[in-house]
Amino acid sequence: MHIFTLSRTQPFHKTIKKKKKNNHWKIGFNSTKMSSPSKRRDMDVMKLMMSDYTVETINDGLSEFNVEFHGPKESPYEGGVWKVHVELPDAYPYKSPSIGFLNKIFHPNVDELSGSICLDVINQSWSPMFDLSNIFEVFLPQLLLYPNPADPLNGDAASLMLKDQQQYEQKVKEYCERYAKREKFENPSFDGSTDEEISDNESTGSANDDILGAADP
């Protein structure tokens, strides 16, 4: 796994060549067309990197990577830092990317165990006009700011939000404290375990409980 960073001043070049035909000069692009899915994918990933996001590529490619995402300000998620896993299909941007939270988050529209997201703009109404920056600058912040308990992936979060908004926000903050702190990512010895309790009625459980996808005992 490699971490890539780009300076805002680093140029992103495209190759232009001149062609002479019938005494007229024409300008064309090189054999890798700008409109090709692979070229668009590379451009969108580069754009995301240049927007000061921390991007960890997987298997030295640009089709699968993790992005560091910060909870929006003036929300219960403020101060939380999540790693969001992104997979780009071969047909991107004509087919939507697959995204999911790697560390736990308490939200009506995010499955707690798998991290999968219920978001129409990703799952149903994706358009090639969108890009990766839209996901992290608009779509995910809007999802966290305006949850939709009527279409839940986490029934407990949706029920608590509808029943008691104050307790819901407190639970969100407790999850942020337990699972979404930057120092836990930066500490190489951190294995996802913690001795903190989410609530008085919830046992701490084993270290495996903090790893996404692990089944509850």
N, C-alpha and C. Protein backbone atom coordinates (compact mmCIF):
# COMPACT_ATOMS: atom_id res chain seq x y z
N MET A 1 0.85 -1.19 0.00
CA MET A 1 0.00 0.00 0.00
C MET A 1 0.88 1.24 0.00
N HIS A 2 0.62 2.17 -0.88
CA HIS A 2 1.40 3.38 -0.99
C HIS A 2 0.51 4.59 -0.79
N ILE A 3 1.05 5.63 -0.17
CA ILE A 3 0.33 6.87 0.01
C ILE A 3 0.86 7.88 -0.99
N PHE A 4 -0.03 8.45 -1.80
CA PHE A 4 0.36 9.40 -2.81
C PHE A 4 -0.09 10.79 -2.40
N THR A 5 0.77 11.76 -2.57
CA THR A 5 0.39 13.16 -2.36
C THR A 5 0.86 13.97 -3.54
N LEU A 6 0.11 14.96 -3.91
CA LEU A 6 0.46 15.82 -5.02
C LEU A 6 0.39 17.27 -4.59
N SER A 7 1.32 18.06 -5.05
CA SER A 7 1.27 19.50 -4.80
C SER A 7 0.24 20.15 -5.70
N ARG A 8 -0.40 21.19 -5.24
CA ARG A 8 -1.38 21.91 -6.05
C ARG A 8 -0.73 22.50 -7.30
N THR A 9 0.60 22.77 -7.21
CA THR A 9 1.28 23.42 -8.33
C THR A 9 1.82 22.43 -9.35
N GLN A 10 1.71 21.13 -9.04
CA GLN A 10 2.23 20.13 -9.98
C GLN A 10 1.31 20.04 -11.20
N PRO A 11 1.82 20.23 -12.41
CA PRO A 11 0.94 20.27 -13.59
C PRO A 11 0.44 18.89 -13.96
N PHE A 12 -0.77 18.86 -14.52
CA PHE A 12 -1.31 17.62 -15.07
C PHE A 12 -1.35 17.80 -16.59
N HIS A 13 -0.43 17.13 -17.28
CA HIS A 13 -0.20 17.43 -18.68
C HIS A 13 -1.09 16.59 -19.59
N LYS A 14 -1.39 17.14 -20.74
CA LYS A 14 -1.97 16.37 -21.82
C LYS A 14 -1.13 16.63 -23.07
N THR A 15 -0.98 15.64 -23.87
CA THR A 15 -0.10 15.73 -25.03
C THR A 15 -0.90 16.17 -26.25
N ILE A 16 -0.45 17.19 -26.92
CA ILE A 16 -1.11 17.69 -28.12
C ILE A 16 -0.12 17.59 -29.28
N LYS A 17 -0.59 17.13 -30.40
CA LYS A 17 0.28 17.05 -31.57
C LYS A 17 -0.44 17.63 -32.78
N LYS A 18 0.32 18.12 -33.71
CA LYS A 18 -0.25 18.74 -34.89
C LYS A 18 -0.23 17.75 -36.05
N LYS A 19 -1.28 17.81 -36.82
CA LYS A 19 -1.36 16.97 -38.00
C LYS A 19 -1.60 17.87 -39.22
N LYS A 20 -0.89 17.57 -40.29
CA LYS A 20 -1.06 18.34 -41.51
C LYS A 20 -1.82 17.51 -42.53
N LYS A 21 -2.94 18.07 -42.99
CA LYS A 21 -3.75 17.33 -43.96
C LYS A 21 -4.37 18.35 -44.92
N ASN A 22 -4.11 18.14 -46.21
CA ASN A 22 -4.64 19.03 -47.24
C ASN A 22 -4.28 20.50 -46.96
N ASN A 23 -3.03 20.70 -46.57
CA ASN A 23 -2.51 22.04 -46.31
C ASN A 23 -3.19 22.74 -45.13
N HIS A 24 -3.92 22.00 -44.31
CA HIS A 24 -4.55 22.57 -43.12
C HIS A 24 -3.97 21.88 -41.88
N TRP A 25 -3.68 22.67 -40.87
CA TRP A 25 -3.17 22.11 -39.61
C TRP A 25 -4.33 21.80 -38.69
N LYS A 26 -4.31 20.62 -38.12
CA LYS A 26 -5.33 20.23 -37.16
C LYS A 26 -4.65 19.84 -35.85
N ILE A 27 -5.32 20.09 -34.78
CA ILE A 27 -4.79 19.72 -33.46
C ILE A 27 -5.55 18.49 -32.97
N GLY A 28 -4.81 17.46 -32.58
CA GLY A 28 -5.44 16.24 -32.07
C GLY A 28 -4.75 15.77 -30.81
N PHE A 29 -5.37 14.84 -30.12
CA PHE A 29 -4.80 14.28 -28.90
C PHE A 29 -4.03 13.02 -29.23
N ASN A 30 -3.19 12.60 -28.31
CA ASN A 30 -2.44 11.37 -28.52
C ASN A 30 -3.37 10.17 -28.47
N SER A 31 -2.80 8.97 -28.60
CA SER A 31 -3.62 7.78 -28.78
C SER A 31 -4.51 7.49 -27.58
N THR A 32 -4.14 7.98 -26.39
CA THR A 32 -5.00 7.79 -25.22
C THR A 32 -5.97 8.96 -25.15
N LYS A 33 -7.18 8.78 -25.58
CA LYS A 33 -8.14 9.86 -25.68
C LYS A 33 -8.59 10.30 -24.28
N MET A 34 -8.84 11.62 -24.18
CA MET A 34 -9.27 12.17 -22.91
C MET A 34 -10.62 11.60 -22.48
N SER A 35 -11.43 11.18 -23.46
CA SER A 35 -12.77 10.71 -23.14
C SER A 35 -12.80 9.24 -22.74
N SER A 36 -11.70 8.53 -22.83
CA SER A 36 -11.70 7.12 -22.50
C SER A 36 -11.90 6.93 -21.00
N PRO A 37 -12.58 5.85 -20.59
CA PRO A 37 -12.82 5.63 -19.17
C PRO A 37 -11.54 5.58 -18.33
N SER A 38 -10.48 4.94 -18.85
CA SER A 38 -9.25 4.84 -18.07
C SER A 38 -8.61 6.21 -17.86
N LYS A 39 -8.65 7.04 -18.89
CA LYS A 39 -8.08 8.38 -18.77
C LYS A 39 -8.90 9.22 -17.80
N ARG A 40 -10.22 9.12 -17.89
CA ARG A 40 -11.09 9.87 -16.98
C ARG A 40 -10.87 9.40 -15.54
N ARG A 41 -10.71 8.10 -15.34
CA ARG A 41 -10.44 7.57 -14.00
C ARG A 41 -9.17 8.17 -13.42
N ASP A 42 -8.09 8.14 -14.21
CA ASP A 42 -6.82 8.67 -13.73
C ASP A 42 -6.92 10.16 -13.41
N MET A 43 -7.62 10.90 -14.24
CA MET A 43 -7.78 12.33 -14.01
C MET A 43 -8.55 12.60 -12.73
N ASP A 44 -9.61 11.83 -12.48
CA ASP A 44 -10.43 12.05 -11.30
C ASP A 44 -9.67 11.71 -10.02
N VAL A 45 -8.88 10.63 -10.06
CA VAL A 45 -8.08 10.28 -8.88
C VAL A 45 -7.03 11.35 -8.62
N MET A 46 -6.38 11.84 -9.67
CA MET A 46 -5.39 12.90 -9.52
C MET A 46 -6.03 14.16 -8.94
N LYS A 47 -7.22 14.48 -9.43
CA LYS A 47 -7.93 15.65 -8.93
C LYS A 47 -8.22 15.51 -7.44
N LEU A 48 -8.60 14.30 -7.02
CA LEU A 48 -8.87 14.06 -5.61
C LEU A 48 -7.61 14.25 -4.77
N MET A 49 -6.49 13.74 -5.26
CA MET A 49 -5.22 13.90 -4.56
C MET A 49 -4.82 15.37 -4.45
N MET A 50 -5.06 16.12 -5.50
CA MET A 50 -4.67 17.52 -5.53
C MET A 50 -5.60 18.39 -4.67
N SER A 51 -6.70 17.81 -4.20
CA SER A 51 -7.62 18.53 -3.34
C SER A 51 -7.31 18.31 -1.86
N ASP A 52 -6.08 17.91 -1.58
CA ASP A 52 -5.58 17.74 -0.21
C ASP A 52 -6.17 16.55 0.53
N TYR A 53 -6.76 15.61 -0.18
CA TYR A 53 -7.21 14.38 0.46
C TYR A 53 -6.04 13.41 0.56
N THR A 54 -5.99 12.66 1.65
CA THR A 54 -5.00 11.60 1.79
C THR A 54 -5.55 10.35 1.12
N VAL A 55 -4.84 9.88 0.11
CA VAL A 55 -5.29 8.74 -0.69
C VAL A 55 -4.25 7.62 -0.58
N GLU A 56 -4.69 6.45 -0.15
CA GLU A 56 -3.83 5.26 -0.07
C GLU A 56 -4.23 4.31 -1.18
N THR A 57 -3.36 4.12 -2.16
CA THR A 57 -3.68 3.21 -3.24
C THR A 57 -3.44 1.77 -2.81
N ILE A 58 -4.13 0.86 -3.45
CA ILE A 58 -4.02 -0.56 -3.15
C ILE A 58 -3.52 -1.28 -4.40
N ASN A 59 -2.54 -2.13 -4.24
CA ASN A 59 -1.96 -2.90 -5.35
C ASN A 59 -1.36 -1.98 -6.43
N ASP A 60 -0.86 -0.82 -6.01
CA ASP A 60 -0.13 0.08 -6.90
C ASP A 60 -0.95 0.55 -8.10
N GLY A 61 -2.27 0.53 -7.98
CA GLY A 61 -3.11 0.99 -9.09
C GLY A 61 -3.99 2.15 -8.66
N LEU A 62 -4.81 2.61 -9.59
CA LEU A 62 -5.72 3.72 -9.31
C LEU A 62 -7.18 3.29 -9.32
N SER A 63 -7.42 1.99 -9.33
CA SER A 63 -8.79 1.50 -9.36
C SER A 63 -9.34 1.17 -7.97
N GLU A 64 -8.45 1.04 -7.00
CA GLU A 64 -8.88 0.70 -5.64
C GLU A 64 -7.99 1.45 -4.65
N PHE A 65 -8.62 2.17 -3.73
CA PHE A 65 -7.86 2.99 -2.79
C PHE A 65 -8.73 3.38 -1.60
N ASN A 66 -8.07 3.89 -0.56
CA ASN A 66 -8.76 4.40 0.62
C ASN A 66 -8.56 5.91 0.69
N VAL A 67 -9.59 6.61 1.14
CA VAL A 67 -9.55 8.06 1.26
C VAL A 67 -9.88 8.45 2.69
N GLU A 68 -9.11 9.37 3.23
CA GLU A 68 -9.36 9.86 4.58
C GLU A 68 -10.45 10.94 4.51
N PHE A 69 -11.53 10.70 5.24
CA PHE A 69 -12.69 11.58 5.19
C PHE A 69 -13.00 12.13 6.57
N HIS A 70 -13.19 13.44 6.68
CA HIS A 70 -13.47 14.11 7.95
C HIS A 70 -14.95 14.43 8.06
N GLY A 71 -15.50 14.21 9.26
CA GLY A 71 -16.89 14.54 9.49
C GLY A 71 -17.14 16.02 9.32
N PRO A 72 -18.30 16.40 8.77
CA PRO A 72 -18.58 17.82 8.53
C PRO A 72 -18.68 18.62 9.82
N LYS A 73 -18.27 19.88 9.75
CA LYS A 73 -18.33 20.76 10.91
C LYS A 73 -19.77 21.06 11.28
N GLU A 74 -19.95 21.42 12.56
CA GLU A 74 -21.27 21.76 13.09
C GLU A 74 -22.25 20.60 12.92
N SER A 75 -21.74 19.40 13.09
CA SER A 75 -22.57 18.20 13.07
C SER A 75 -22.07 17.28 14.17
N PRO A 76 -22.86 16.28 14.59
CA PRO A 76 -22.38 15.33 15.60
C PRO A 76 -21.14 14.56 15.16
N TYR A 77 -20.87 14.55 13.85
CA TYR A 77 -19.73 13.81 13.31
C TYR A 77 -18.45 14.65 13.26
N GLU A 78 -18.53 15.90 13.65
CA GLU A 78 -17.36 16.77 13.63
C GLU A 78 -16.26 16.20 14.52
N GLY A 79 -15.05 16.18 14.02
CA GLY A 79 -13.91 15.63 14.75
C GLY A 79 -13.63 14.18 14.42
N GLY A 80 -14.59 13.51 13.78
CA GLY A 80 -14.37 12.12 13.39
C GLY A 80 -13.60 12.03 12.08
N VAL A 81 -12.76 11.01 11.98
CA VAL A 81 -11.97 10.76 10.77
C VAL A 81 -12.20 9.31 10.35
N TRP A 82 -12.65 9.13 9.12
CA TRP A 82 -12.93 7.78 8.63
C TRP A 82 -12.10 7.48 7.40
N LYS A 83 -11.78 6.21 7.25
CA LYS A 83 -11.20 5.74 6.01
C LYS A 83 -12.34 5.17 5.16
N VAL A 84 -12.46 5.70 3.97
CA VAL A 84 -13.51 5.26 3.05
C VAL A 84 -12.86 4.48 1.91
N HIS A 85 -13.30 3.25 1.73
CA HIS A 85 -12.75 2.40 0.68
C HIS A 85 -13.48 2.67 -0.63
N VAL A 86 -12.73 2.84 -1.70
CA VAL A 86 -13.29 3.14 -3.01
C VAL A 86 -12.80 2.13 -4.02
N GLU A 87 -13.72 1.58 -4.80
CA GLU A 87 -13.37 0.72 -5.93
C GLU A 87 -14.03 1.29 -7.18
N LEU A 88 -13.23 1.50 -8.21
CA LEU A 88 -13.73 2.05 -9.46
C LEU A 88 -13.90 0.92 -10.48
N PRO A 89 -15.10 0.73 -11.00
CA PRO A 89 -15.30 -0.32 -12.01
C PRO A 89 -14.63 0.07 -13.33
N ASP A 90 -14.46 -0.90 -14.20
CA ASP A 90 -13.82 -0.64 -15.49
C ASP A 90 -14.59 0.41 -16.29
N ALA A 91 -15.91 0.46 -16.10
CA ALA A 91 -16.75 1.38 -16.88
C ALA A 91 -16.89 2.76 -16.23
N TYR A 92 -16.16 3.01 -15.13
CA TYR A 92 -16.20 4.35 -14.52
C TYR A 92 -15.72 5.38 -15.54
N PRO A 93 -16.36 6.53 -15.71
CA PRO A 93 -17.40 7.13 -14.86
C PRO A 93 -18.83 6.82 -15.28
N TYR A 94 -19.01 5.91 -16.23
CA TYR A 94 -20.36 5.59 -16.69
C TYR A 94 -21.07 4.66 -15.72
N LYS A 95 -20.29 4.01 -14.88
CA LYS A 95 -20.83 3.19 -13.79
C LYS A 95 -20.30 3.74 -12.47
N SER A 96 -21.15 3.75 -11.45
CA SER A 96 -20.79 4.40 -10.19
C SER A 96 -19.71 3.62 -9.45
N PRO A 97 -18.88 4.33 -8.67
CA PRO A 97 -17.89 3.64 -7.83
C PRO A 97 -18.58 2.93 -6.68
N SER A 98 -17.86 1.98 -6.10
CA SER A 98 -18.33 1.29 -4.89
C SER A 98 -17.58 1.90 -3.70
N ILE A 99 -18.32 2.39 -2.70
CA ILE A 99 -17.68 3.03 -1.56
C ILE A 99 -18.24 2.49 -0.26
N GLY A 100 -17.43 2.51 0.79
CA GLY A 100 -17.89 2.05 2.10
C GLY A 100 -16.93 2.49 3.19
N PHE A 101 -17.46 2.70 4.39
CA PHE A 101 -16.64 3.10 5.54
C PHE A 101 -15.89 1.88 6.08
N LEU A 102 -14.59 2.05 6.34
CA LEU A 102 -13.80 0.96 6.90
C LEU A 102 -13.86 0.93 8.43
N ASN A 103 -13.88 2.08 9.07
CA ASN A 103 -14.09 2.09 10.52
C ASN A 103 -15.55 2.45 10.81
N LYS A 104 -16.03 2.01 11.95
CA LYS A 104 -17.46 2.09 12.25
C LYS A 104 -17.96 3.53 12.37
N ILE A 105 -19.21 3.69 11.97
CA ILE A 105 -19.88 4.98 12.09
C ILE A 105 -21.34 4.68 12.44
N PHE A 106 -21.93 5.48 13.32
CA PHE A 106 -23.32 5.30 13.73
C PHE A 106 -24.18 6.23 12.90
N HIS A 107 -24.89 5.66 11.94
CA HIS A 107 -25.68 6.45 11.00
C HIS A 107 -26.80 5.60 10.43
N PRO A 108 -28.01 6.16 10.31
CA PRO A 108 -29.14 5.36 9.80
C PRO A 108 -28.91 4.76 8.42
N ASN A 109 -28.12 5.42 7.58
CA ASN A 109 -27.97 4.98 6.20
C ASN A 109 -26.63 4.33 5.90
N VAL A 110 -25.93 3.88 6.96
CA VAL A 110 -24.67 3.17 6.80
C VAL A 110 -24.75 1.87 7.61
N ASP A 111 -24.52 0.75 6.96
CA ASP A 111 -24.52 -0.53 7.66
C ASP A 111 -23.33 -0.60 8.61
N GLU A 112 -23.59 -0.89 9.87
CA GLU A 112 -22.53 -0.83 10.87
C GLU A 112 -21.45 -1.88 10.65
N LEU A 113 -21.82 -3.06 10.21
CA LEU A 113 -20.84 -4.13 10.06
C LEU A 113 -20.07 -4.05 8.75
N SER A 114 -20.76 -3.83 7.65
CA SER A 114 -20.09 -3.84 6.35
C SER A 114 -19.58 -2.47 5.93
N GLY A 115 -20.16 -1.40 6.50
CA GLY A 115 -19.77 -0.05 6.10
C GLY A 115 -20.41 0.41 4.81
N SER A 116 -21.28 -0.41 4.21
CA SER A 116 -21.93 -0.03 2.96
C SER A 116 -22.87 1.14 3.18
N ILE A 117 -23.10 1.91 2.12
CA ILE A 117 -23.82 3.18 2.22
C ILE A 117 -25.08 3.14 1.37
N CYS A 118 -26.18 3.63 1.94
CA CYS A 118 -27.42 3.77 1.20
C CYS A 118 -27.53 5.22 0.74
N LEU A 119 -27.16 5.47 -0.50
CA LEU A 119 -27.14 6.83 -1.04
C LEU A 119 -27.56 6.76 -2.50
N ASP A 120 -28.70 7.36 -2.82
CA ASP A 120 -29.27 7.25 -4.16
C ASP A 120 -28.30 7.70 -5.25
N VAL A 121 -27.57 8.78 -4.99
CA VAL A 121 -26.71 9.32 -6.03
C VAL A 121 -25.56 8.36 -6.37
N ILE A 122 -25.26 7.45 -5.47
CA ILE A 122 -24.25 6.42 -5.74
C ILE A 122 -24.91 5.16 -6.27
N ASN A 123 -26.01 4.76 -5.67
CA ASN A 123 -26.60 3.46 -5.99
C ASN A 123 -27.53 3.48 -7.20
N GLN A 124 -28.20 4.62 -7.45
CA GLN A 124 -29.22 4.62 -8.50
C GLN A 124 -29.07 5.75 -9.51
N SER A 125 -28.82 6.96 -9.05
CA SER A 125 -28.88 8.11 -9.94
C SER A 125 -27.50 8.67 -10.29
N TRP A 126 -26.48 7.81 -10.29
CA TRP A 126 -25.13 8.25 -10.64
C TRP A 126 -25.09 8.72 -12.09
N SER A 127 -24.29 9.76 -12.35
CA SER A 127 -24.11 10.29 -13.69
C SER A 127 -22.62 10.47 -13.96
N PRO A 128 -22.19 10.26 -15.21
CA PRO A 128 -20.77 10.51 -15.53
C PRO A 128 -20.38 11.97 -15.38
N MET A 129 -21.34 12.85 -15.16
CA MET A 129 -21.02 14.25 -14.87
C MET A 129 -20.41 14.41 -13.48
N PHE A 130 -20.66 13.43 -12.59
CA PHE A 130 -20.09 13.47 -11.25
C PHE A 130 -18.66 12.95 -11.28
N ASP A 131 -17.89 13.32 -10.26
CA ASP A 131 -16.55 12.76 -10.12
C ASP A 131 -16.27 12.43 -8.65
N LEU A 132 -15.08 11.99 -8.35
CA LEU A 132 -14.75 11.56 -7.00
C LEU A 132 -14.79 12.72 -6.01
N SER A 133 -14.39 13.90 -6.45
CA SER A 133 -14.43 15.05 -5.56
C SER A 133 -15.86 15.35 -5.11
N ASN A 134 -16.83 15.16 -6.01
CA ASN A 134 -18.23 15.35 -5.63
C ASN A 134 -18.62 14.45 -4.47
N ILE A 135 -18.11 13.21 -4.48
CA ILE A 135 -18.46 12.26 -3.43
C ILE A 135 -17.99 12.75 -2.07
N PHE A 136 -16.74 13.22 -2.00
CA PHE A 136 -16.16 13.57 -0.71
C PHE A 136 -16.42 15.02 -0.29
N GLU A 137 -16.73 15.86 -1.24
CA GLU A 137 -16.98 17.26 -0.90
C GLU A 137 -18.46 17.59 -0.78
N VAL A 138 -19.32 16.77 -1.40
CA VAL A 138 -20.75 17.07 -1.40
C VAL A 138 -21.59 15.91 -0.88
N PHE A 139 -21.51 14.75 -1.53
CA PHE A 139 -22.44 13.67 -1.26
C PHE A 139 -22.31 13.10 0.16
N LEU A 140 -21.08 12.76 0.57
CA LEU A 140 -20.90 12.21 1.91
C LEU A 140 -21.18 13.23 3.01
N PRO A 141 -20.70 14.49 2.89
CA PRO A 141 -21.08 15.48 3.91
C PRO A 141 -22.59 15.66 4.02
N GLN A 142 -23.29 15.68 2.88
CA GLN A 142 -24.75 15.82 2.92
C GLN A 142 -25.40 14.61 3.60
N LEU A 143 -24.84 13.42 3.35
CA LEU A 143 -25.38 12.21 3.97
C LEU A 143 -25.27 12.29 5.49
N LEU A 144 -24.13 12.78 5.98
CA LEU A 144 -23.94 12.86 7.43
C LEU A 144 -24.74 14.00 8.05
N LEU A 145 -24.91 15.08 7.31
CA LEU A 145 -25.66 16.22 7.83
C LEU A 145 -27.16 15.97 7.83
N TYR A 146 -27.64 15.21 6.85
CA TYR A 146 -29.08 15.01 6.70
C TYR A 146 -29.41 13.53 6.53
N PRO A 147 -29.34 12.74 7.61
CA PRO A 147 -29.67 11.32 7.54
C PRO A 147 -31.14 11.12 7.14
N ASN A 148 -31.41 9.97 6.55
CA ASN A 148 -32.77 9.63 6.15
C ASN A 148 -33.21 8.36 6.89
N PRO A 149 -33.84 8.52 8.06
CA PRO A 149 -34.24 7.34 8.85
C PRO A 149 -35.37 6.53 8.20
N ALA A 150 -36.00 7.08 7.17
CA ALA A 150 -37.08 6.38 6.50
C ALA A 150 -36.56 5.26 5.58
N ASP A 151 -35.28 5.27 5.26
CA ASP A 151 -34.69 4.27 4.37
C ASP A 151 -33.39 3.77 4.99
N PRO A 152 -33.49 3.05 6.12
CA PRO A 152 -32.29 2.75 6.91
C PRO A 152 -31.54 1.50 6.49
N LEU A 153 -30.23 1.52 6.70
CA LEU A 153 -29.41 0.31 6.70
C LEU A 153 -29.06 -0.07 8.14
N ASN A 154 -29.14 0.88 9.05
CA ASN A 154 -28.93 0.64 10.48
C ASN A 154 -30.23 0.98 11.19
N GLY A 155 -31.03 -0.04 11.45
CA GLY A 155 -32.34 0.16 12.06
C GLY A 155 -32.26 0.77 13.45
N ASP A 156 -31.24 0.40 14.22
CA ASP A 156 -31.10 0.94 15.58
C ASP A 156 -30.84 2.45 15.53
N ALA A 157 -29.98 2.88 14.61
CA ALA A 157 -29.68 4.30 14.49
C ALA A 157 -30.91 5.08 14.02
N ALA A 158 -31.64 4.51 13.06
CA ALA A 158 -32.84 5.19 12.57
C ALA A 158 -33.89 5.31 13.66
N SER A 159 -34.10 4.22 14.40
CA SER A 159 -35.10 4.23 15.47
C SER A 159 -34.74 5.23 16.56
N LEU A 160 -33.47 5.27 16.95
CA LEU A 160 -33.04 6.18 18.00
C LEU A 160 -33.15 7.63 17.53
N MET A 161 -32.83 7.90 16.28
CA MET A 161 -32.93 9.25 15.74
C MET A 161 -34.36 9.75 15.78
N LEU A 162 -35.31 8.88 15.42
CA LEU A 162 -36.72 9.27 15.42
C LEU A 162 -37.28 9.41 16.83
N LYS A 163 -36.77 8.59 17.74
CA LYS A 163 -37.31 8.58 19.10
C LYS A 163 -36.71 9.65 19.98
N ASP A 164 -35.39 9.86 19.87
CA ASP A 164 -34.71 10.80 20.76
C ASP A 164 -33.49 11.36 20.04
N GLN A 165 -33.63 12.53 19.45
CA GLN A 165 -32.55 13.15 18.68
C GLN A 165 -31.32 13.39 19.53
N GLN A 166 -31.52 13.78 20.79
CA GLN A 166 -30.38 14.08 21.66
C GLN A 166 -29.57 12.83 21.95
N GLN A 167 -30.25 11.73 22.25
CA GLN A 167 -29.54 10.48 22.51
C GLN A 167 -28.86 9.97 21.24
N TYR A 168 -29.51 10.17 20.11
CA TYR A 168 -28.90 9.77 18.84
C TYR A 168 -27.58 10.50 18.62
N GLU A 169 -27.58 11.80 18.81
CA GLU A 169 -26.36 12.58 18.61
C GLU A 169 -25.28 12.19 19.60
N GLN A 170 -25.68 11.85 20.82
CA GLN A 170 -24.70 11.41 21.82
C GLN A 170 -24.07 10.09 21.40
N LYS A 171 -24.87 9.19 20.86
CA LYS A 171 -24.35 7.89 20.39
C LYS A 171 -23.40 8.09 19.21
N VAL A 172 -23.73 9.02 18.32
CA VAL A 172 -22.86 9.34 17.20
C VAL A 172 -21.50 9.80 17.70
N LYS A 173 -21.50 10.69 18.68
CA LYS A 173 -20.26 11.23 19.23
C LYS A 173 -19.45 10.15 19.93
N GLU A 174 -20.13 9.23 20.60
CA GLU A 174 -19.42 8.12 21.28
C GLU A 174 -18.75 7.21 20.26
N TYR A 175 -19.41 6.95 19.14
CA TYR A 175 -18.80 6.15 18.08
C TYR A 175 -17.59 6.88 17.48
N CYS A 176 -17.73 8.19 17.31
CA CYS A 176 -16.60 8.97 16.79
C CYS A 176 -15.40 8.86 17.72
N GLU A 177 -15.67 8.95 19.01
CA GLU A 177 -14.60 8.89 20.00
C GLU A 177 -13.94 7.52 20.01
N ARG A 178 -14.72 6.50 19.84
CA ARG A 178 -14.19 5.14 19.94
C ARG A 178 -13.54 4.64 18.65
N TYR A 179 -14.13 4.98 17.52
CA TYR A 179 -13.69 4.37 16.26
C TYR A 179 -13.06 5.34 15.26
N ALA A 180 -13.20 6.65 15.46
CA ALA A 180 -12.86 7.58 14.38
C ALA A 180 -11.94 8.71 14.84
N LYS A 181 -10.89 8.35 15.55
CA LYS A 181 -9.92 9.35 15.97
C LYS A 181 -8.63 9.20 15.15
N ARG A 182 -8.07 10.33 14.72
CA ARG A 182 -6.89 10.31 13.86
C ARG A 182 -5.73 9.57 14.49
N GLU A 183 -5.53 9.75 15.82
CA GLU A 183 -4.37 9.13 16.45
C GLU A 183 -4.41 7.61 16.36
N LYS A 184 -5.60 7.05 16.19
CA LYS A 184 -5.70 5.59 16.06
C LYS A 184 -5.17 5.14 14.70
N PHE A 185 -5.34 5.97 13.66
CA PHE A 185 -4.78 5.63 12.37
C PHE A 185 -3.27 5.78 12.37
N GLU A 186 -2.79 6.83 13.07
CA GLU A 186 -1.37 7.14 13.04
C GLU A 186 -0.55 6.26 13.97
N ASN A 187 -1.20 5.53 14.88
CA ASN A 187 -0.51 4.65 15.81
C ASN A 187 -0.38 3.26 15.20
N PRO A 188 0.83 2.84 14.81
CA PRO A 188 1.00 1.54 14.14
C PRO A 188 0.55 0.37 14.99
N SER A 189 0.56 0.53 16.33
CA SER A 189 0.20 -0.58 17.20
C SER A 189 -1.31 -0.70 17.41
N PHE A 190 -2.07 0.28 16.90
CA PHE A 190 -3.52 0.23 17.10
C PHE A 190 -4.12 -0.89 16.28
N ASP A 191 -4.89 -1.76 16.92
CA ASP A 191 -5.47 -2.90 16.23
C ASP A 191 -6.98 -2.84 16.19
N GLY A 192 -7.55 -1.69 16.53
CA GLY A 192 -9.00 -1.57 16.49
C GLY A 192 -9.66 -1.83 17.81
N SER A 193 -8.91 -2.31 18.81
CA SER A 193 -9.52 -2.62 20.09
C SER A 193 -9.49 -1.40 21.00
N THR A 194 -10.38 -1.36 21.96
CA THR A 194 -10.47 -0.28 22.91
C THR A 194 -11.15 -0.75 24.18
N ASP A 195 -10.81 -0.11 25.28
CA ASP A 195 -11.44 -0.46 26.54
C ASP A 195 -12.61 0.45 26.86
N GLU A 196 -12.86 1.46 25.99
CA GLU A 196 -13.96 2.37 26.25
C GLU A 196 -15.27 1.68 25.92
N GLU A 197 -16.33 2.05 26.63
CA GLU A 197 -17.64 1.50 26.39
C GLU A 197 -18.50 2.52 25.67
N ILE A 198 -19.34 2.02 24.75
CA ILE A 198 -20.23 2.90 24.02
C ILE A 198 -21.34 3.42 24.94
N SER A 199 -21.87 2.57 25.79
CA SER A 199 -22.90 3.00 26.71
C SER A 199 -22.87 2.11 27.93
N ASP A 200 -23.61 2.49 28.97
CA ASP A 200 -23.64 1.71 30.20
C ASP A 200 -24.27 0.35 29.97
N ASN A 201 -25.09 0.22 28.94
CA ASN A 201 -25.81 -1.03 28.70
C ASN A 201 -25.14 -1.91 27.66
N GLU A 202 -24.00 -1.48 27.14
CA GLU A 202 -23.31 -2.24 26.11
C GLU A 202 -21.97 -2.70 26.61
N SER A 203 -21.70 -3.98 26.55
CA SER A 203 -20.41 -4.50 26.99
C SER A 203 -19.35 -4.15 25.99
N THR A 204 -18.10 -4.13 26.46
CA THR A 204 -17.00 -3.75 25.61
C THR A 204 -16.77 -4.77 24.51
N GLY A 205 -16.85 -6.06 24.82
CA GLY A 205 -16.65 -7.09 23.81
C GLY A 205 -15.19 -7.31 23.52
N SER A 206 -14.91 -8.16 22.55
CA SER A 206 -13.54 -8.50 22.20
C SER A 206 -13.00 -7.52 21.20
N ALA A 207 -11.70 -7.61 20.95
CA ALA A 207 -11.07 -6.71 19.99
C ALA A 207 -11.64 -6.91 18.61
N ASN A 208 -12.09 -8.12 18.29
CA ASN A 208 -12.61 -8.39 16.98
C ASN A 208 -13.91 -7.64 16.71
N ASP A 209 -14.61 -7.22 17.76
CA ASP A 209 -15.85 -6.50 17.57
C ASP A 209 -15.62 -5.17 16.90
N ASP A 210 -14.41 -4.63 17.01
CA ASP A 210 -14.12 -3.32 16.44
C ASP A 210 -13.68 -3.42 14.99
N ILE A 211 -13.52 -4.62 14.48
CA ILE A 211 -13.09 -4.79 13.11
C ILE A 211 -14.33 -4.93 12.24
N LEU A 212 -14.44 -4.08 11.26
CA LEU A 212 -15.62 -4.09 10.43
C LEU A 212 -15.83 -5.42 9.77
N GLY A 213 -17.07 -5.88 9.79
CA GLY A 213 -17.39 -7.14 9.17
C GLY A 213 -17.38 -8.30 10.13
N ALA A 214 -16.84 -8.12 11.36
CA ALA A 214 -16.84 -9.21 12.33
C ALA A 214 -18.21 -9.39 12.92
N ALA A 215 -18.64 -10.62 13.07
CA ALA A 215 -19.95 -10.90 13.62
C ALA A 215 -19.94 -10.72 15.12
N ASP A 216 -21.06 -10.19 15.63
CA ASP A 216 -21.19 -10.06 17.06
C ASP A 216 -21.31 -11.43 17.71
N PRO A 217 -20.70 -11.60 18.90
CA PRO A 217 -20.78 -12.91 19.55
C PRO A 217 -22.19 -13.21 20.02
